[in-house]
Structures are given as structure tokens and as C-alpha cells.
């Protein structure tokens, strides 16, 4: 009987995981997103929605505030990080450390 419960439990978990994947998993994506610790080389490969999630988390980390930042703040930060990460000498630089000096000097 324990083996049956175990198989049933595993099946239930599998079904739940598939349902979450089909639902889009934005909450899971947000939880797994590294925010400011995301390296530039990963950030520049992200689609626009994922970039917005990454930058929103980064802005929250910087402000030490869990409220949603203003859309204009997120938009401006996306533009800045896009420019800075697009030209970083070291692609492994986390977005929180991307800066103008990093364009020329490996960190």
C-alpha cells in the first residue's frame, strides 16, 4: 500500500508540474530570476518579458523595497542595462555591476 501511495504521490507531482508549465509559471520564473546577480551575457539573451522581470527584481533589490517600481523607472533601467551589458568587456559581469568603466576594463 505504501508503494501505491508513493506512486500516486509522484504521479500527482508530475501532473502538477506539467500544469504549472502549461500555465506559464510567471511566479516560478520570478522566484528563480536572479535579478541584479544575472550576468550580462545571460541578460542580453532574455526576451523582453524576462528582461522586465529581471530589471524589476533588480530595482526592488537596489531600493530595498518590495513594492512594484514605476514603469518609467523599469523602462529607463532596461535601456541603461541594455547599453551597458551590450558593451561590457567581461560578459560575466552581473547587471548590478555593469557600468561605463566596465565597457573598457575587464572586471
Protein backbone atom coordinates (compact mmCIF):
# COMPACT_ATOMS: atom_id res chain seq x y z
CA UNK A 1 0.00 0.00 0.00
CA UNK A 2 2.85 2.41 0.75
CA UNK A 3 4.29 1.78 -2.71
CA UNK A 4 0.91 2.68 -4.24
CA UNK A 5 0.73 5.90 -2.27
CA UNK A 6 4.26 6.71 -3.30
CA UNK A 7 3.49 6.16 -6.99
CA UNK A 8 0.25 8.12 -6.66
CA UNK A 9 2.13 10.96 -4.98
CA UNK A 10 4.76 11.03 -7.71
CA UNK A 11 2.09 10.99 -10.39
CA UNK A 12 0.31 13.89 -8.68
CA UNK A 13 3.53 15.88 -8.51
CA UNK A 14 4.21 15.19 -12.17
CA UNK A 15 0.73 16.37 -13.15
CA UNK A 16 1.13 19.49 -11.02
CA UNK A 17 4.49 20.26 -12.64
CA UNK A 18 3.03 19.88 -16.13
CA UNK A 19 0.08 22.10 -15.22
CA UNK A 20 2.46 24.79 -13.97
CA UNK A 21 4.48 24.65 -17.18
CA UNK A 22 1.33 24.94 -19.27
CA UNK A 23 0.11 27.85 -17.14
CA UNK A 24 3.20 29.93 -17.85
CA UNK A 25 4.77 29.77 -14.40
CA UNK A 26 5.38 33.50 -14.07
CA UNK A 27 5.51 33.20 -10.27
CA UNK A 28 8.12 30.45 -10.53
CA UNK A 29 10.05 32.44 -13.13
CA UNK A 30 10.08 35.44 -10.81
CA UNK A 31 11.23 33.31 -7.87
CA UNK A 32 14.07 31.76 -9.86
CA UNK A 33 15.10 35.02 -11.53
CA UNK A 34 18.44 36.27 -10.16
CA UNK A 35 17.73 39.98 -10.57
CA UNK A 36 20.92 42.02 -10.17
CA UNK A 37 23.04 38.86 -10.00
CA UNK A 38 22.13 37.99 -13.60
CA UNK A 39 25.31 38.10 -15.73
CA UNK A 40 25.23 40.42 -18.74
CA UNK A 41 25.70 37.54 -21.20
CA UNK A 42 22.51 35.89 -19.87
CA UNK A 43 20.60 39.18 -19.65
CA UNK A 44 21.15 40.17 -23.29
CA UNK A 45 19.77 36.79 -24.43
CA UNK A 46 16.49 37.24 -22.49
CA UNK A 47 13.23 38.11 -24.22
CA UNK A 48 11.57 41.44 -23.36
CA UNK A 49 9.22 39.96 -20.74
CA UNK A 50 12.05 38.19 -18.93
CA UNK A 51 14.21 41.32 -19.07
CA UNK A 52 11.36 43.28 -17.49
CA UNK A 53 11.08 40.67 -14.72
CA UNK A 54 14.88 40.74 -14.18
CA UNK A 55 15.07 44.54 -14.07
CA UNK A 56 12.01 44.84 -11.83
CA UNK A 57 13.61 42.45 -9.34
CA UNK A 58 16.93 44.33 -9.65
CA UNK A 59 15.26 47.71 -8.96
CA UNK A 60 13.48 46.23 -5.92
CA UNK A 61 16.83 44.90 -4.66
CA UNK A 62 18.50 48.28 -5.13
CA UNK A 63 15.72 50.20 -3.42
CA UNK A 64 15.30 47.54 -0.72
CA UNK A 65 11.57 47.94 -1.26
CA UNK A 66 9.20 45.13 -2.23
CA UNK A 67 6.67 47.43 -3.94
CA UNK A 68 6.43 47.40 -7.71
CA UNK A 69 8.64 50.17 -9.12
CA UNK A 70 7.20 52.74 -11.51
CA UNK A 71 7.10 51.61 -15.12
CA UNK A 72 9.25 54.56 -16.19
CA UNK A 73 11.96 53.55 -13.72
CA UNK A 74 11.94 49.98 -15.06
CA UNK A 75 11.97 51.22 -18.69
CA UNK A 76 14.90 53.58 -18.07
CA UNK A 77 16.83 50.87 -16.24
CA UNK A 78 16.25 48.41 -19.08
CA UNK A 79 17.67 50.91 -21.58
CA UNK A 80 20.71 51.58 -19.37
CA UNK A 81 21.44 47.91 -18.69
CA UNK A 82 20.92 47.04 -22.38
CA UNK A 83 23.54 49.61 -23.39
CA UNK A 84 26.00 48.77 -20.64
CA UNK A 85 25.68 44.98 -20.93
CA UNK A 86 25.84 45.15 -24.70
CA UNK A 87 29.34 46.60 -24.46
CA UNK A 88 30.83 45.07 -21.28
CA UNK A 89 34.42 43.87 -21.68
CA UNK A 90 33.55 40.97 -19.34
CA UNK A 91 30.31 39.23 -20.30
CA UNK A 92 30.13 37.58 -16.85
CA UNK A 93 29.65 40.97 -15.16
CA UNK A 94 26.40 40.88 -13.14
CA UNK A 95 23.94 43.55 -14.28
CA UNK A 96 24.18 45.19 -10.85
CA UNK A 97 27.87 45.87 -11.59
CA UNK A 98 27.50 46.92 -15.22
CA UNK A 99 28.84 50.44 -15.59
CA UNK A 100 30.57 52.76 -18.02
CA UNK A 101 34.06 51.78 -16.79
CA UNK A 102 33.19 48.12 -17.48
CA UNK A 103 32.89 48.92 -21.15
CA UNK A 104 36.65 49.37 -21.31
CA UNK A 105 38.08 47.50 -18.34
CA UNK A 106 37.57 43.82 -17.52
CA UNK A 107 36.26 43.35 -14.02
